[in-house]
Each structure stands twice: as C-alpha cells, then as structure tokens.
Amino acid sequence: MAILEAGNININVYHYLGMLLFCQQSYQGFPSA
C-alpha cells in the first residue's frame, strides 16, 4: 500500500509540474502570438 501511495503521489507531482510548465509556456507564448 505504501509503495502504491508513494507512486500515486509522484504521479500527481509530475502531473502538477507538467501542468505548471504547460501553462507557463502558453502564457509566455500568448503575447508574442
């Protein structure tokens, strides 16, 4: 259980970071476009 929970937390962290990077790139690219 602990291993699965840790894996789910890692997936959530990577998903959160990915969304932050995606939103940041979209925000930075919007004014120039």
PDB file of N, CA and C in Angstrom:
ATOM      1  N   MET A   1       0.828  -1.205   0.000  1.00  0.00           N
ATOM      2  CA  MET A   1       0.000   0.000   0.000  1.00  0.00           C
ATOM      3  C   MET A   1       0.871   1.269   0.000  1.00  0.00           C
ATOM      4  N   ALA A   2       1.865   1.280   0.874  1.00  0.00           N
ATOM      5  CA  ALA A   2       2.703   2.480   0.988  1.00  0.00           C
ATOM      6  C   ALA A   2       3.415   2.769  -0.336  1.00  0.00           C
ATOM      7  N   ILE A   3       3.864   1.682  -0.998  1.00  0.00           N
ATOM      8  CA  ILE A   3       4.576   1.870  -2.269  1.00  0.00           C
ATOM      9  C   ILE A   3       3.614   2.425  -3.328  1.00  0.00           C
ATOM     10  N   LEU A   4       2.394   1.894  -3.352  1.00  0.00           N
ATOM     11  CA  LEU A   4       1.417   2.376  -4.326  1.00  0.00           C
ATOM     12  C   LEU A   4       1.058   3.829  -4.041  1.00  0.00           C
ATOM     13  N   GLU A   5       0.906   4.161  -2.762  1.00  0.00           N
ATOM     14  CA  GLU A   5       0.563   5.541  -2.414  1.00  0.00           C
ATOM     15  C   GLU A   5       1.694   6.495  -2.793  1.00  0.00           C
ATOM     16  N   ALA A   6       2.932   6.076  -2.554  1.00  0.00           N
ATOM     17  CA  ALA A   6       4.078   6.904  -2.923  1.00  0.00           C
ATOM     18  C   ALA A   6       4.126   7.088  -4.439  1.00  0.00           C
ATOM     19  N   GLY A   7       3.806   6.032  -5.182  1.00  0.00           N
ATOM     20  CA  GLY A   7       3.795   6.123  -6.636  1.00  0.00           C
ATOM     21  C   GLY A   7       2.714   7.075  -7.109  1.00  0.00           C
ATOM     22  N   ASN A   8       1.555   7.035  -6.465  1.00  0.00           N
ATOM     23  CA  ASN A   8       0.469   7.940  -6.854  1.00  0.00           C
ATOM     24  C   ASN A   8       0.849   9.378  -6.553  1.00  0.00           C
ATOM     25  N   ILE A   9       1.526   9.595  -5.430  1.00  0.00           N
ATOM     26  CA  ILE A   9       1.960  10.957  -5.084  1.00  0.00           C
ATOM     27  C   ILE A   9       2.960  11.456  -6.125  1.00  0.00           C
ATOM     28  N   ASN A  10       3.898  10.588  -6.537  1.00  0.00           N
ATOM     29  CA  ASN A  10       4.884  11.000  -7.546  1.00  0.00           C
ATOM     30  C   ASN A  10       4.188  11.348  -8.856  1.00  0.00           C
ATOM     31  N   ILE A  11       3.191  10.552  -9.243  1.00  0.00           N
ATOM     32  CA  ILE A  11       2.456  10.820 -10.478  1.00  0.00           C
ATOM     33  C   ILE A  11       1.743  12.165 -10.366  1.00  0.00           C
ATOM     34  N   ASN A  12       1.154  12.432  -9.211  1.00  0.00           N
ATOM     35  CA  ASN A  12       0.448  13.703  -9.021  1.00  0.00           C
ATOM     36  C   ASN A  12       1.410  14.877  -9.083  1.00  0.00           C
ATOM     37  N   VAL A  13       2.598  14.704  -8.495  1.00  0.00           N
ATOM     38  CA  VAL A  13       3.596  15.780  -8.509  1.00  0.00           C
ATOM     39  C   VAL A  13       4.062  16.055  -9.932  1.00  0.00           C
ATOM     40  N   TYR A  14       4.363  14.984 -10.675  1.00  0.00           N
ATOM     41  CA  TYR A  14       4.820  15.177 -12.061  1.00  0.00           C
ATOM     42  C   TYR A  14       3.712  15.786 -12.909  1.00  0.00           C
ATOM     43  N   HIS A  15       2.461  15.370 -12.679  1.00  0.00           N
ATOM     44  CA  HIS A  15       1.331  15.921 -13.427  1.00  0.00           C
ATOM     45  C   HIS A  15       1.178  17.406 -13.108  1.00  0.00           C
ATOM     46  N   TYR A  16       1.320  17.758 -11.817  1.00  0.00           N
ATOM     47  CA  TYR A  16       1.196  19.155 -11.399  1.00  0.00           C
ATOM     48  C   TYR A  16       2.300  20.007 -12.021  1.00  0.00           C
ATOM     49  N   LEU A  17       3.547  19.495 -11.972  1.00  0.00           N
ATOM     50  CA  LEU A  17       4.664  20.236 -12.564  1.00  0.00           C
ATOM     51  C   LEU A  17       4.472  20.373 -14.070  1.00  0.00           C
ATOM     52  N   GLY A  18       3.990  19.314 -14.709  1.00  0.00           N
ATOM     53  CA  GLY A  18       3.750  19.360 -16.142  1.00  0.00           C
ATOM     54  C   GLY A  18       2.709  20.405 -16.499  1.00  0.00           C
ATOM     55  N   MET A  19       1.660  20.488 -15.696  1.00  0.00           N
ATOM     56  CA  MET A  19       0.616  21.489 -15.957  1.00  0.00           C
ATOM     57  C   MET A  19       1.179  22.891 -15.744  1.00  0.00           C
ATOM     58  N   LEU A  20       2.027  23.068 -14.726  1.00  0.00           N
ATOM     59  CA  LEU A  20       2.632  24.380 -14.484  1.00  0.00           C
ATOM     60  C   LEU A  20       3.491  24.794 -15.678  1.00  0.00           C
ATOM     61  N   LEU A  21       4.323  23.872 -16.175  1.00  0.00           N
ATOM     62  CA  LEU A  21       5.181  24.187 -17.317  1.00  0.00           C
ATOM     63  C   LEU A  21       4.334  24.487 -18.550  1.00  0.00           C
ATOM     64  N   PHE A  22       3.268  23.701 -18.759  1.00  0.00           N
ATOM     65  CA  PHE A  22       2.413  23.895 -19.923  1.00  0.00           C
ATOM     66  C   PHE A  22       1.732  25.257 -19.856  1.00  0.00           C
ATOM     67  N   CYS A  23       1.213  25.600 -18.678  1.00  0.00           N
ATOM     68  CA  CYS A  23       0.528  26.886 -18.521  1.00  0.00           C
ATOM     69  C   CYS A  23       1.515  28.039 -18.672  1.00  0.00           C
ATOM     70  N   GLN A  24       2.743  27.847 -18.150  1.00  0.00           N
ATOM     71  CA  GLN A  24       3.752  28.904 -18.228  1.00  0.00           C
ATOM     72  C   GLN A  24       4.138  29.144 -19.682  1.00  0.00           C
ATOM     73  N   GLN A  25       4.328  28.060 -20.449  1.00  0.00           N
ATOM     74  CA  GLN A  25       4.699  28.196 -21.850  1.00  0.00           C
ATOM     75  C   GLN A  25       3.555  28.839 -22.630  1.00  0.00           C
ATOM     76  N   SER A  26       2.318  28.438 -22.342  1.00  0.00           N
ATOM     77  CA  SER A  26       1.167  29.005 -23.038  1.00  0.00           C
ATOM     78  C   SER A  26       1.054  30.491 -22.717  1.00  0.00           C
ATOM     79  N   TYR A  27       1.286  30.853 -21.454  1.00  0.00           N
ATOM     80  CA  TYR A  27       1.174  32.250 -21.030  1.00  0.00           C
ATOM     81  C   TYR A  27       2.267  33.092 -21.678  1.00  0.00           C
ATOM     82  N   GLN A  28       3.490  32.551 -21.730  1.00  0.00           N
ATOM     83  CA  GLN A  28       4.599  33.298 -22.323  1.00  0.00           C
ATOM     84  C   GLN A  28       4.420  33.403 -23.841  1.00  0.00           C
ATOM     85  N   GLY A  29       3.831  32.378 -24.467  1.00  0.00           N
ATOM     86  CA  GLY A  29       3.687  32.381 -25.914  1.00  0.00           C
ATOM     87  C   GLY A  29       2.483  33.186 -26.379  1.00  0.00           C
ATOM     88  N   PHE A  30       1.558  33.477 -25.477  1.00  0.00           N
ATOM     89  CA  PHE A  30       0.326  34.167 -25.884  1.00  0.00           C
ATOM     90  C   PHE A  30       0.573  35.602 -26.361  1.00  0.00           C
ATOM     91  N   PRO A  31       1.305  36.438 -25.577  1.00  0.00           N
ATOM     92  CA  PRO A  31       1.525  37.819 -26.020  1.00  0.00           C
ATOM     93  C   PRO A  31       2.300  37.918 -27.329  1.00  0.00           C
ATOM     94  N   SER A  32       3.271  37.015 -27.528  1.00  0.00           N
ATOM     95  CA  SER A  32       4.085  37.087 -28.740  1.00  0.00           C
ATOM     96  C   SER A  32       3.283  36.615 -29.956  1.00  0.00           C
ATOM     97  N   ALA A  33       2.264  35.792 -29.724  1.00  0.00           N
ATOM     98  CA  ALA A  33       1.449  35.281 -30.821  1.00  0.00           C
ATOM     99  C   ALA A  33       0.303  36.246 -31.081  1.00  0.00           C
TER     100      ALA A  33
END
